[in-house]
Amino acid sequence: MKQIIYLSAILAMLSCNNHPPANEESAKETPTTISKSPESSSKALNKIQTVDGIKAAYSSIISKIAMKNMDSISFKYNCNGEKTGKVLYFIENGKVRLIKHTYNEYSHFSATEQYFINDGEVFFVLYNHVSWSFVDQDKTKDDITEKRFYVINNNPVKCLQNKSTVISSSGKAGKPTVVSNNEIECSSFEPALKQFNTLIKLSGQRKDLKCLE
């Protein structure tokens, strides 16, 4: 009788050893589930949904660049002498976070355009355009236009424009006179988005170009 009991116990143990416990099976599936979940939740957390969020993300990028915590690459272009410029990309963990585009058209216009990026999408655009002319033989006038586009999900939610004028005499810069500083319609964002799309496609460019397009 004891032999039958022992034999039954041994068979039961062998049967248990041939099938992993339920918690072991779930442990094997867990990494696949977890690896997707943090990524999606991380993107949701990093998604910028407010103007205050845009300002915070902008400040973070500027701070990291100032502390030299980003890599950078650049190229120049000269389009038949009519438009010359430089495109500079700031990169963090393999992702472009800021595109800075500076250029001149002929000799009376210069511009700096900056595109701030989060998860591959532009969230803030800062334009600074300067055109200059002679007032008289000793004086020049700079007309400066600054535009700021606050963008959420590729749609501008707030657009500001600041216009000022600086009159300089005999090489001495004068103080800017504010012409206007107000919120404007966001119709001019469309060409800005088009320019951004052109520049982001060139982020792998290493050699100088003739023209951007």
Protein backbone atom coordinates (compact mmCIF):
# COMPACT_ATOMS: atom_id res chain seq x y z
CA MET A 1 0.00 0.00 0.00
CA LYS A 2 2.87 2.39 0.87
CA GLN A 3 4.47 1.67 -2.51
CA ILE A 4 1.28 2.75 -4.33
CA ILE A 5 1.12 5.99 -2.29
CA TYR A 6 4.78 6.78 -3.03
CA LEU A 7 4.28 6.04 -6.72
CA SER A 8 1.26 8.34 -6.88
CA ALA A 9 3.19 11.15 -5.19
CA ILE A 10 6.12 10.82 -7.62
CA LEU A 11 3.78 10.92 -10.65
CA ALA A 12 2.06 14.03 -9.28
CA MET A 13 5.44 15.79 -8.83
CA LEU A 14 6.52 14.92 -12.36
CA SER A 15 3.25 16.21 -13.72
CA CYS A 16 3.72 19.59 -11.95
CA ASN A 17 7.31 19.96 -13.18
CA ASN A 18 6.25 19.55 -16.84
CA HIS A 19 3.97 22.68 -16.75
CA PRO A 20 5.28 26.11 -15.65
CA PRO A 21 3.12 27.94 -13.12
CA ALA A 22 0.69 30.59 -14.38
CA ASN A 23 2.79 33.47 -12.97
CA GLU A 24 5.85 32.29 -14.94
CA GLU A 25 3.93 32.36 -18.22
CA SER A 26 2.65 35.89 -17.51
CA ALA A 27 6.21 36.99 -16.67
CA LYS A 28 7.33 35.97 -20.16
CA GLU A 29 4.59 38.09 -21.75
CA THR A 30 5.12 41.08 -19.46
CA PRO A 31 8.21 42.59 -21.22
CA THR A 32 6.32 42.91 -24.53
CA THR A 33 3.41 44.59 -22.83
CA ILE A 34 5.52 46.90 -20.69
CA SER A 35 7.89 47.91 -23.49
CA LYS A 36 4.98 49.35 -25.46
CA SER A 37 3.15 50.93 -22.55
CA PRO A 38 5.91 53.26 -21.25
CA GLU A 39 6.66 54.44 -24.78
CA SER A 40 3.07 55.42 -25.49
CA SER A 41 2.58 56.93 -22.06
CA SER A 42 5.88 58.82 -22.39
CA LYS A 43 4.75 60.35 -25.67
CA ALA A 44 1.45 61.31 -24.07
CA LEU A 45 3.30 62.98 -21.18
CA ASN A 46 5.70 64.77 -23.55
CA LYS A 47 2.92 65.99 -25.82
CA ILE A 48 2.67 69.77 -25.59
CA GLN A 49 -0.94 70.86 -25.22
CA THR A 50 -0.82 74.41 -23.83
CA VAL A 51 0.91 77.74 -24.45
CA ASP A 52 2.53 77.44 -21.02
CA GLY A 53 3.82 74.00 -22.06
CA ILE A 54 5.28 75.57 -25.21
CA LYS A 55 7.06 78.23 -23.16
CA ALA A 56 8.50 75.61 -20.80
CA ALA A 57 9.73 73.41 -23.66
CA TYR A 58 11.25 76.44 -25.39
CA SER A 59 13.13 77.43 -22.22
CA SER A 60 14.39 73.87 -21.76
CA ILE A 61 15.87 73.74 -25.26
CA ILE A 62 17.48 77.18 -24.95
CA SER A 63 18.97 76.21 -21.58
CA LYS A 64 20.43 72.93 -22.88
CA ILE A 65 21.99 74.69 -25.87
CA ALA A 66 23.50 77.35 -23.60
CA MET A 67 25.00 74.59 -21.44
CA LYS A 68 26.31 72.85 -24.60
CA ASN A 69 24.27 69.72 -23.90
CA MET A 70 23.29 69.26 -27.55
CA ASP A 71 25.17 68.23 -30.66
CA SER A 72 24.96 70.32 -33.81
CA ILE A 73 25.46 70.00 -37.56
CA SER A 74 25.11 72.61 -40.29
CA PHE A 75 25.42 73.40 -43.96
CA LYS A 76 25.51 76.58 -46.04
CA TYR A 77 23.98 77.51 -49.36
CA ASN A 78 24.41 80.18 -52.01
CA CYS A 79 21.56 80.46 -54.47
CA ASN A 80 23.04 82.33 -57.42
CA GLY A 81 24.22 85.12 -55.13
CA GLU A 82 20.61 86.22 -54.62
CA LYS A 83 20.04 84.36 -51.38
CA THR A 84 22.77 83.01 -49.12
CA GLY A 85 22.35 81.32 -45.79
CA LYS A 86 23.22 78.77 -43.16
CA VAL A 87 21.06 76.04 -41.61
CA LEU A 88 22.06 74.82 -38.16
CA TYR A 89 20.51 71.77 -36.46
CA PHE A 90 20.68 71.17 -32.71
CA ILE A 91 20.30 67.49 -31.85
CA GLU A 92 19.47 65.73 -28.59
CA ASN A 93 19.59 61.91 -28.32
CA GLY A 94 19.55 61.60 -32.09
CA LYS A 95 16.50 63.86 -32.53
CA VAL A 96 16.44 67.38 -33.97
CA ARG A 97 15.20 69.83 -31.32
CA LEU A 98 15.94 73.16 -32.99
CA ILE A 99 16.54 74.34 -36.55
CA LYS A 100 18.14 77.77 -36.86
CA HIS A 101 18.07 79.26 -40.36
CA THR A 102 19.91 82.52 -41.02
CA TYR A 103 20.04 84.09 -44.46
CA ASN A 104 20.44 87.26 -46.51
CA GLU A 105 18.69 88.32 -49.68
CA TYR A 106 20.73 90.73 -51.74
CA SER A 107 22.17 93.38 -49.38
CA HIS A 108 19.11 94.97 -47.82
CA PHE A 109 17.42 92.06 -46.08
CA SER A 110 18.52 89.57 -43.44
CA ALA A 111 16.62 87.06 -41.35
CA THR A 112 16.89 84.54 -38.56
CA GLU A 113 14.20 81.87 -38.34
CA GLN A 114 14.08 79.30 -35.54
CA TYR A 115 11.94 76.18 -35.38
CA PHE A 116 11.60 74.42 -32.02
CA ILE A 117 10.71 70.74 -32.23
CA ASN A 118 9.21 68.10 -29.96
CA ASP A 119 8.68 64.47 -31.09
CA GLY A 120 9.28 65.48 -34.71
CA GLU A 121 6.68 68.26 -34.69
CA VAL A 122 7.32 72.00 -34.61
CA PHE A 123 5.76 73.64 -31.55
CA PHE A 124 7.21 77.15 -31.66
CA VAL A 125 8.50 79.33 -34.49
CA LEU A 126 10.43 82.56 -33.97
CA TYR A 127 11.07 84.87 -36.93
CA ASN A 128 13.27 87.96 -36.93
CA HIS A 129 13.36 89.79 -40.27
CA VAL A 130 15.33 92.98 -40.87
CA SER A 131 15.21 95.21 -43.94
CA TRP A 132 17.27 98.37 -44.11
CA SER A 133 17.37 101.50 -46.21
CA PHE A 134 19.03 104.91 -46.30
CA VAL A 135 17.26 107.81 -44.62
CA ASP A 136 19.90 110.21 -45.90
CA GLN A 137 23.64 110.12 -46.53
CA ASP A 138 24.48 109.72 -42.83
CA LYS A 139 21.51 107.72 -41.56
CA THR A 140 20.15 104.25 -42.14
CA LYS A 141 16.83 102.76 -41.03
CA ASP A 142 16.29 99.16 -39.94
CA ASP A 143 12.71 97.93 -40.07
CA ILE A 144 12.51 94.88 -37.79
CA THR A 145 9.65 92.40 -37.74
CA GLU A 146 9.52 89.66 -35.14
CA LYS A 147 6.88 86.94 -35.34
CA ARG A 148 6.12 84.21 -32.82
CA PHE A 149 3.95 81.22 -33.63
CA TYR A 150 2.71 78.97 -30.81
CA VAL A 151 1.79 75.61 -32.33
CA ILE A 152 -0.12 72.60 -30.97
CA ASN A 153 -0.61 69.48 -33.12
CA ASN A 154 0.64 71.37 -36.21
CA ASN A 155 -2.00 74.09 -35.71
CA PRO A 156 -1.11 77.65 -34.65
CA VAL A 157 -3.02 78.60 -31.49
CA LYS A 158 -1.45 82.00 -30.87
CA CYS A 159 0.48 84.32 -33.18
CA LEU A 160 2.23 87.54 -32.15
CA GLN A 161 3.98 90.23 -34.13
CA ASN A 162 6.35 92.94 -32.97
CA LYS A 163 7.43 95.70 -35.35
CA SER A 164 10.11 98.22 -34.53
CA THR A 165 12.41 100.68 -36.26
CA VAL A 166 16.02 101.58 -35.52
CA ILE A 167 17.60 104.68 -37.03
CA SER A 168 21.39 104.71 -36.94
CA SER A 169 23.68 107.56 -37.74
CA SER A 170 27.35 107.39 -38.80
CA GLY A 171 27.64 103.75 -37.78
CA LYS A 172 26.17 104.32 -34.31
CA ALA A 173 23.10 102.21 -33.62
CA GLY A 174 20.07 104.02 -32.29
CA LYS A 175 17.40 102.79 -29.89
CA PRO A 176 14.50 100.80 -31.35
CA THR A 177 11.17 102.54 -31.67
CA VAL A 178 8.24 100.16 -31.26
CA VAL A 179 5.78 100.49 -34.12
CA SER A 180 3.38 97.72 -33.09
CA ASN A 181 3.26 94.79 -30.71
CA ASN A 182 0.08 92.76 -30.88
CA GLU A 183 -1.62 89.47 -31.59
CA ILE A 184 -2.28 88.78 -35.27
CA GLU A 185 -4.10 86.27 -37.42
CA CYS A 186 -2.13 83.09 -38.02
CA SER A 187 -2.46 83.05 -41.81
CA SER A 188 1.29 83.58 -42.24
CA PHE A 189 2.01 80.33 -40.39
CA GLU A 190 1.35 78.21 -43.50
CA PRO A 191 4.51 79.37 -45.35
CA ALA A 192 6.43 78.96 -42.08
CA LEU A 193 5.27 75.33 -41.82
CA LYS A 194 6.21 74.77 -45.47
CA GLN A 195 9.71 76.11 -44.79
CA PHE A 196 10.02 73.91 -41.71
CA ASN A 197 9.09 70.81 -43.73
CA THR A 198 11.77 71.69 -46.28
CA LEU A 199 14.44 72.18 -43.61
CA ILE A 200 13.61 69.07 -41.57
CA LYS A 201 13.98 66.93 -44.70
CA LEU A 202 17.51 68.30 -45.09
CA SER A 203 18.54 67.41 -41.53
CA GLY A 204 20.93 64.75 -42.80
CA GLN A 205 22.65 67.16 -45.18
CA ARG A 206 26.40 67.44 -44.65
CA LYS A 207 27.58 69.28 -47.76
CA ASP A 208 26.85 72.84 -48.80
CA LEU A 209 24.07 73.36 -51.33
CA LYS A 210 23.37 75.71 -54.18
CA CYS A 211 19.73 76.37 -53.27
CA LEU A 212 17.40 74.99 -50.62
CA GLU A 213 14.73 73.97 -53.14
